[in-house]
């Protein structure tokens, strides 16, 4: 399983619509509104890294109001090492 995070920049007035649309994407397990440089943070869980890329490109970026994304790929936890 691959875990990824995406930081999203949203066009003004589209924040609520984008937030609601993100909640309909099965691979997105968490959606958090933010204050600061980015507007929304999402956590994704997919079968592999290629699937994560597909979610960002085909599902997230296609939502009207999403202006930019920054994707971060998670690694195994460092806990216990």
N, C-alpha and C. Protein backbone atom coordinates (compact mmCIF):
# COMPACT_ATOMS: atom_id res chain seq x y z
N UNK A 1 0.84 -1.18 0.00
CA UNK A 1 0.00 0.00 0.00
C UNK A 1 0.88 1.24 0.00
N UNK A 2 0.47 2.24 -0.75
CA UNK A 2 1.17 3.51 -0.81
C UNK A 2 0.32 4.58 -0.15
N UNK A 3 0.99 5.41 0.63
CA UNK A 3 0.32 6.52 1.31
C UNK A 3 0.88 7.81 0.73
N UNK A 4 -0.01 8.74 0.43
CA UNK A 4 0.43 10.02 -0.09
C UNK A 4 -0.39 11.15 0.48
N UNK A 5 0.18 12.33 0.38
CA UNK A 5 -0.49 13.54 0.84
C UNK A 5 -0.43 14.53 -0.31
N UNK A 6 -1.47 15.32 -0.46
CA UNK A 6 -1.47 16.37 -1.47
C UNK A 6 -1.91 17.67 -0.83
N UNK A 7 -1.14 18.71 -1.08
CA UNK A 7 -1.46 20.06 -0.66
C UNK A 7 -2.09 20.75 -1.86
N UNK A 8 -3.27 21.32 -1.68
CA UNK A 8 -4.01 21.89 -2.79
C UNK A 8 -4.19 23.40 -2.64
N UNK A 9 -4.02 24.08 -3.75
CA UNK A 9 -4.36 25.51 -3.83
C UNK A 9 -5.69 25.59 -4.59
N UNK A 10 -6.64 26.30 -4.00
CA UNK A 10 -8.00 26.36 -4.54
C UNK A 10 -8.35 27.79 -4.94
N UNK A 11 -9.05 27.92 -6.06
CA UNK A 11 -9.54 29.24 -6.48
C UNK A 11 -10.49 29.79 -5.43
N UNK A 12 -10.44 31.10 -5.19
CA UNK A 12 -11.37 31.70 -4.23
C UNK A 12 -12.82 31.34 -4.60
N UNK A 13 -13.63 31.13 -3.60
CA UNK A 13 -15.05 30.79 -3.69
C UNK A 13 -15.32 29.33 -4.06
N UNK A 14 -14.29 28.53 -4.32
CA UNK A 14 -14.48 27.12 -4.65
C UNK A 14 -14.09 26.18 -3.51
N UNK A 15 -13.67 26.71 -2.38
CA UNK A 15 -13.17 25.88 -1.30
C UNK A 15 -14.19 24.82 -0.86
N UNK A 16 -15.42 25.23 -0.62
CA UNK A 16 -16.43 24.30 -0.13
C UNK A 16 -16.76 23.24 -1.18
N UNK A 17 -16.90 23.63 -2.42
CA UNK A 17 -17.22 22.70 -3.50
C UNK A 17 -16.11 21.67 -3.67
N UNK A 18 -14.86 22.12 -3.68
CA UNK A 18 -13.74 21.21 -3.83
C UNK A 18 -13.68 20.26 -2.64
N UNK A 19 -13.85 20.79 -1.44
CA UNK A 19 -13.84 19.97 -0.22
C UNK A 19 -14.87 18.84 -0.33
N UNK A 20 -16.07 19.17 -0.78
CA UNK A 20 -17.13 18.18 -0.90
C UNK A 20 -16.80 17.14 -1.97
N UNK A 21 -16.24 17.57 -3.10
CA UNK A 21 -15.89 16.64 -4.18
C UNK A 21 -14.77 15.70 -3.76
N UNK A 22 -13.82 16.19 -3.00
CA UNK A 22 -12.72 15.36 -2.53
C UNK A 22 -13.24 14.23 -1.65
N UNK A 23 -14.26 14.49 -0.87
CA UNK A 23 -14.84 13.48 0.02
C UNK A 23 -15.49 12.33 -0.73
N UNK A 24 -15.74 12.49 -2.01
CA UNK A 24 -16.35 11.45 -2.83
C UNK A 24 -15.33 10.53 -3.50
N UNK A 25 -14.05 10.83 -3.37
CA UNK A 25 -13.00 10.02 -3.99
C UNK A 25 -12.60 8.93 -3.00
N UNK A 26 -12.82 7.66 -3.35
CA UNK A 26 -12.59 6.57 -2.38
C UNK A 26 -11.16 6.47 -1.85
N UNK A 27 -10.18 6.83 -2.65
CA UNK A 27 -8.78 6.71 -2.22
C UNK A 27 -8.37 7.79 -1.24
N UNK A 28 -9.18 8.84 -1.12
CA UNK A 28 -8.88 9.91 -0.16
C UNK A 28 -9.51 9.54 1.17
N UNK A 29 -8.65 9.37 2.18
CA UNK A 29 -9.13 8.93 3.49
C UNK A 29 -9.25 10.07 4.50
N UNK A 30 -8.63 11.21 4.21
CA UNK A 30 -8.75 12.38 5.09
C UNK A 30 -8.69 13.65 4.24
N UNK A 31 -9.49 14.64 4.62
CA UNK A 31 -9.49 15.95 3.97
C UNK A 31 -9.48 17.00 5.07
N UNK A 32 -8.50 17.91 5.00
CA UNK A 32 -8.37 18.94 6.04
C UNK A 32 -8.26 20.33 5.41
N UNK A 33 -9.15 21.26 5.75
CA UNK A 33 -8.97 22.64 5.31
C UNK A 33 -7.79 23.26 6.06
N UNK A 34 -7.09 24.16 5.40
CA UNK A 34 -5.90 24.79 5.99
C UNK A 34 -5.98 26.30 5.88
N UNK A 35 -5.21 26.98 6.71
CA UNK A 35 -4.93 28.40 6.56
C UNK A 35 -3.46 28.50 6.22
N UNK A 36 -3.11 29.37 5.31
CA UNK A 36 -1.71 29.53 4.95
C UNK A 36 -1.51 29.42 3.45
N UNK A 37 -0.33 28.94 3.06
CA UNK A 37 0.04 28.87 1.65
C UNK A 37 -0.89 27.96 0.84
N UNK A 38 -1.36 26.86 1.46
CA UNK A 38 -2.25 25.93 0.79
C UNK A 38 -3.62 25.96 1.46
N UNK A 39 -4.63 25.52 0.72
CA UNK A 39 -6.00 25.61 1.21
C UNK A 39 -6.55 24.29 1.77
N UNK A 40 -6.11 23.17 1.21
CA UNK A 40 -6.61 21.86 1.63
C UNK A 40 -5.46 20.86 1.63
N UNK A 41 -5.47 19.97 2.62
CA UNK A 41 -4.54 18.84 2.69
C UNK A 41 -5.37 17.57 2.60
N UNK A 42 -4.97 16.65 1.72
CA UNK A 42 -5.64 15.35 1.65
C UNK A 42 -4.64 14.24 1.89
N UNK A 43 -5.13 13.18 2.51
CA UNK A 43 -4.35 11.96 2.69
C UNK A 43 -4.97 10.89 1.81
N UNK A 44 -4.13 10.20 1.04
CA UNK A 44 -4.60 9.17 0.13
C UNK A 44 -3.97 7.83 0.47
N UNK A 45 -4.72 6.76 0.26
CA UNK A 45 -4.21 5.40 0.39
C UNK A 45 -4.54 4.66 -0.90
N UNK A 46 -3.50 4.15 -1.56
CA UNK A 46 -3.66 3.46 -2.83
C UNK A 46 -2.83 2.18 -2.84
N UNK A 47 -3.04 1.37 -3.85
CA UNK A 47 -2.32 0.10 -3.96
C UNK A 47 -0.82 0.32 -4.18
N UNK A 48 -0.46 1.34 -4.95
CA UNK A 48 0.95 1.59 -5.26
C UNK A 48 1.14 3.06 -5.63
N UNK A 49 2.39 3.43 -5.88
CA UNK A 49 2.72 4.82 -6.17
C UNK A 49 2.08 5.28 -7.48
N UNK A 50 2.04 4.39 -8.48
CA UNK A 50 1.41 4.77 -9.75
C UNK A 50 -0.06 5.12 -9.55
N UNK A 51 -0.73 4.39 -8.69
CA UNK A 51 -2.14 4.67 -8.41
C UNK A 51 -2.31 6.02 -7.73
N UNK A 52 -1.38 6.37 -6.84
CA UNK A 52 -1.42 7.69 -6.20
C UNK A 52 -1.34 8.79 -7.26
N UNK A 53 -0.42 8.63 -8.18
CA UNK A 53 -0.29 9.62 -9.24
C UNK A 53 -1.55 9.74 -10.06
N UNK A 54 -2.19 8.61 -10.31
CA UNK A 54 -3.45 8.63 -11.06
C UNK A 54 -4.55 9.36 -10.34
N UNK A 55 -4.63 9.19 -9.04
CA UNK A 55 -5.65 9.88 -8.25
C UNK A 55 -5.43 11.40 -8.34
N UNK A 56 -4.18 11.81 -8.20
CA UNK A 56 -3.89 13.25 -8.25
C UNK A 56 -4.19 13.81 -9.63
N UNK A 57 -3.70 13.14 -10.66
CA UNK A 57 -3.83 13.68 -12.02
C UNK A 57 -5.26 13.58 -12.54
N UNK A 58 -5.87 12.41 -12.42
CA UNK A 58 -7.18 12.20 -13.05
C UNK A 58 -8.38 12.59 -12.19
N UNK A 59 -8.21 12.52 -10.87
CA UNK A 59 -9.36 12.79 -10.01
C UNK A 59 -9.29 14.15 -9.32
N UNK A 60 -8.17 14.45 -8.67
CA UNK A 60 -8.07 15.71 -7.91
C UNK A 60 -7.93 16.91 -8.83
N UNK A 61 -6.99 16.85 -9.77
CA UNK A 61 -6.74 18.00 -10.65
C UNK A 61 -7.89 18.28 -11.60
N UNK A 62 -8.78 17.32 -11.78
CA UNK A 62 -9.91 17.53 -12.68
C UNK A 62 -11.08 18.25 -12.01
N UNK A 63 -11.01 18.46 -10.69
CA UNK A 63 -12.07 19.15 -9.97
C UNK A 63 -11.98 20.65 -10.26
N UNK A 64 -13.09 21.22 -10.69
CA UNK A 64 -13.12 22.66 -10.97
C UNK A 64 -12.81 23.43 -9.70
N UNK A 65 -11.85 24.34 -9.79
CA UNK A 65 -11.45 25.14 -8.65
C UNK A 65 -10.08 24.76 -8.12
N UNK A 66 -9.58 23.57 -8.45
CA UNK A 66 -8.24 23.18 -8.02
C UNK A 66 -7.24 23.85 -8.96
N UNK A 67 -6.42 24.73 -8.41
CA UNK A 67 -5.46 25.49 -9.22
C UNK A 67 -4.10 24.82 -9.28
N UNK A 68 -3.67 24.22 -8.15
CA UNK A 68 -2.32 23.65 -8.09
C UNK A 68 -2.28 22.57 -7.02
N UNK A 69 -1.38 21.61 -7.22
CA UNK A 69 -1.20 20.56 -6.22
C UNK A 69 0.28 20.36 -5.94
N UNK A 70 0.58 19.93 -4.74
CA UNK A 70 1.93 19.51 -4.37
C UNK A 70 1.75 18.16 -3.69
N UNK A 71 2.32 17.13 -4.30
CA UNK A 71 2.11 15.77 -3.82
C UNK A 71 3.34 15.28 -3.06
N UNK A 72 3.09 14.63 -1.93
CA UNK A 72 4.15 14.06 -1.10
C UNK A 72 3.86 12.56 -0.93
N UNK A 73 4.87 11.75 -1.17
CA UNK A 73 4.74 10.30 -1.04
C UNK A 73 5.26 9.90 0.34
N UNK A 74 4.45 9.15 1.07
CA UNK A 74 4.86 8.71 2.40
C UNK A 74 5.79 7.50 2.33
N UNK A 75 6.52 7.29 3.39
CA UNK A 75 7.41 6.14 3.51
C UNK A 75 7.01 5.36 4.75
N UNK A 76 7.60 4.21 4.95
CA UNK A 76 7.30 3.45 6.15
C UNK A 76 7.64 4.28 7.38
N UNK A 77 6.86 4.09 8.42
CA UNK A 77 7.06 4.85 9.64
C UNK A 77 8.45 4.61 10.23
N UNK A 78 9.01 5.64 10.80
CA UNK A 78 10.30 5.52 11.47
C UNK A 78 10.16 5.11 12.93
N UNK A 79 8.92 4.95 13.38
CA UNK A 79 8.69 4.57 14.77
C UNK A 79 9.31 3.21 15.05
N UNK A 80 9.97 3.10 16.14
CA UNK A 80 10.55 1.83 16.56
C UNK A 80 11.91 1.52 15.94
N UNK A 81 12.48 2.50 15.21
CA UNK A 81 13.79 2.23 14.61
C UNK A 81 14.88 2.92 15.37
